[in-house]
Amino acid sequence: MFTDKFNSVRVERVHATTAPTVNSVKATDISAISAASTHFSLVKVTTVQRSGGRAVLAEYHADSPPDQVTGKRVAVDVQRYAFYKAGNGEAVLTLSGAVGADNVDPWRVVTDSFRWS
């Protein structure tokens, strides 16, 4: 995880034997994220194409984790990409930033830089 103030980029490898679908992400991943988040609000779950392949994109709003010094939380926009490759499982790339911040271009650069190796 890379983080600066309330912006973060997180990459996780998840064991999986089948590719994620919009329905599987809604049923499993979103349920878990919602239960672990405060002020969670789902925007949408879709399939997208990026330079590194197809991914299931979940977009939602939630509160950030508390700041380690002040304890303050802010509302964040989140984009969570689940990429899949047979034999490698899932790579989950999660980007978050304060609601209303202009993250469209930087997040596109980050998600298009993902590649399986």
Protein backbone atom coordinates (compact mmCIF):
# COMPACT_ATOMS: atom_id res chain seq x y z
CA MET A 1 0.00 0.00 0.00
CA PHE A 2 1.17 3.49 -0.88
CA THR A 3 -0.53 6.32 0.93
CA ASP A 4 -0.28 10.10 1.19
CA LYS A 5 -2.77 11.86 3.43
CA PHE A 6 -6.16 10.44 2.35
CA ASN A 7 -5.01 9.13 -1.06
CA SER A 8 -3.94 5.53 -1.37
CA VAL A 9 -3.02 2.82 -3.85
CA ARG A 10 -3.22 -0.77 -2.64
CA VAL A 11 -2.32 -3.95 -4.52
CA GLU A 12 -3.26 -7.38 -3.20
CA ARG A 13 -2.89 -10.85 -4.62
CA VAL A 14 -5.90 -13.05 -3.91
CA HIS A 15 -6.12 -16.80 -4.39
CA ALA A 16 -8.80 -17.52 -6.98
CA THR A 17 -9.45 -20.33 -9.45
CA THR A 18 -12.09 -18.53 -11.52
CA ALA A 19 -12.34 -15.04 -12.92
CA PRO A 20 -14.41 -12.54 -10.96
CA THR A 21 -17.72 -11.43 -12.43
CA VAL A 22 -19.92 -8.45 -11.70
CA ASN A 23 -22.27 -10.77 -9.79
CA SER A 24 -19.52 -12.51 -7.79
CA VAL A 25 -17.96 -9.18 -6.79
CA LYS A 26 -21.36 -7.83 -5.72
CA ALA A 27 -22.22 -10.97 -3.76
CA THR A 28 -18.91 -11.61 -2.03
CA ASP A 29 -16.51 -8.67 -2.16
CA ILE A 30 -18.97 -5.80 -1.81
CA SER A 31 -20.74 -7.52 1.08
CA ALA A 32 -17.43 -7.84 2.97
CA ILE A 33 -16.31 -4.29 2.13
CA SER A 34 -19.67 -2.86 3.19
CA ALA A 35 -19.59 -4.71 6.51
CA ALA A 36 -16.06 -3.45 7.26
CA SER A 37 -16.69 0.18 6.20
CA THR A 38 -18.41 3.17 7.71
CA HIS A 39 -20.79 5.22 5.57
CA PHE A 40 -20.47 2.77 2.67
CA SER A 41 -22.38 3.59 -0.51
CA LEU A 42 -22.06 1.50 -3.68
CA VAL A 43 -21.92 3.50 -6.93
CA LYS A 44 -21.65 0.64 -9.46
CA VAL A 45 -19.92 -2.59 -10.41
CA THR A 46 -18.93 -3.02 -14.05
CA THR A 47 -16.47 -4.80 -16.31
CA VAL A 48 -13.74 -2.62 -17.81
CA GLN A 49 -10.80 -3.11 -20.15
CA ARG A 50 -7.39 -1.79 -19.14
CA SER A 51 -3.97 -2.17 -20.75
CA GLY A 52 -3.24 -5.13 -18.45
CA GLY A 53 -6.49 -6.92 -19.29
CA ARG A 54 -10.14 -7.11 -18.33
CA ALA A 55 -11.12 -6.29 -14.76
CA VAL A 56 -14.24 -6.02 -12.66
CA LEU A 57 -14.43 -2.47 -11.33
CA ALA A 58 -16.34 -1.68 -8.15
CA GLU A 59 -16.84 2.01 -7.42
CA TYR A 60 -18.06 3.13 -4.02
CA HIS A 61 -17.89 5.81 -1.32
CA ALA A 62 -16.89 5.20 2.28
CA ASP A 63 -15.08 6.88 5.15
CA SER A 64 -11.30 6.66 5.21
CA PRO A 65 -9.50 4.87 8.01
CA PRO A 66 -8.83 7.28 10.88
CA ASP A 67 -5.72 9.46 10.62
CA GLN A 68 -3.08 8.00 12.94
CA VAL A 69 -2.45 11.36 14.61
CA THR A 70 -5.78 13.18 14.64
CA GLY A 71 -8.23 10.29 14.35
CA LYS A 72 -10.03 12.29 11.63
CA ARG A 73 -11.87 10.45 8.85
CA VAL A 74 -12.86 11.87 5.47
CA ALA A 75 -15.29 10.66 2.86
CA VAL A 76 -13.39 8.93 0.04
CA ASP A 77 -14.14 7.79 -3.50
CA VAL A 78 -12.88 4.27 -4.14
CA GLN A 79 -12.21 2.33 -7.31
CA ARG A 80 -11.45 -1.37 -6.79
CA TYR A 81 -10.22 -3.35 -9.81
CA ALA A 82 -10.16 -7.17 -9.71
CA PHE A 83 -7.91 -8.55 -12.47
CA TYR A 84 -7.65 -12.32 -13.07
CA LYS A 85 -5.21 -14.61 -14.82
CA ALA A 86 -5.47 -18.41 -14.80
CA GLY A 87 -2.67 -19.84 -12.71
CA ASN A 88 -2.00 -16.50 -11.01
CA GLY A 89 -5.36 -15.84 -9.36
CA GLU A 90 -6.62 -12.32 -8.76
CA ALA A 91 -4.75 -9.08 -8.42
CA VAL A 92 -6.87 -6.48 -6.68
CA LEU A 93 -5.90 -2.86 -7.22
CA THR A 94 -7.73 -0.40 -4.95
CA LEU A 95 -7.44 3.37 -5.36
CA SER A 96 -8.96 5.90 -2.99
CA GLY A 97 -8.98 9.66 -2.54
CA ALA A 98 -11.05 12.38 -0.95
CA VAL A 99 -14.52 12.79 -2.45
CA GLY A 100 -14.45 15.43 -5.16
CA ALA A 101 -10.69 15.25 -5.81
CA ASP A 102 -9.75 15.14 -9.48
CA ASN A 103 -8.26 11.65 -9.62
CA VAL A 104 -9.50 10.57 -13.06
CA ASP A 105 -6.21 10.99 -14.94
CA PRO A 106 -3.82 9.75 -12.22
CA TRP A 107 -6.00 6.72 -11.51
CA ARG A 108 -6.15 5.91 -15.22
CA VAL A 109 -2.33 6.02 -15.39
CA VAL A 110 -2.04 3.70 -12.38
CA THR A 111 -4.63 1.18 -13.60
CA ASP A 112 -3.21 1.15 -17.14
CA SER A 113 0.26 0.46 -15.72
CA PHE A 114 -0.84 -2.89 -14.24
CA ARG A 115 0.67 -5.93 -15.99
CA TRP A 116 0.87 -9.61 -15.13
CA SER A 117 4.43 -10.93 -15.03
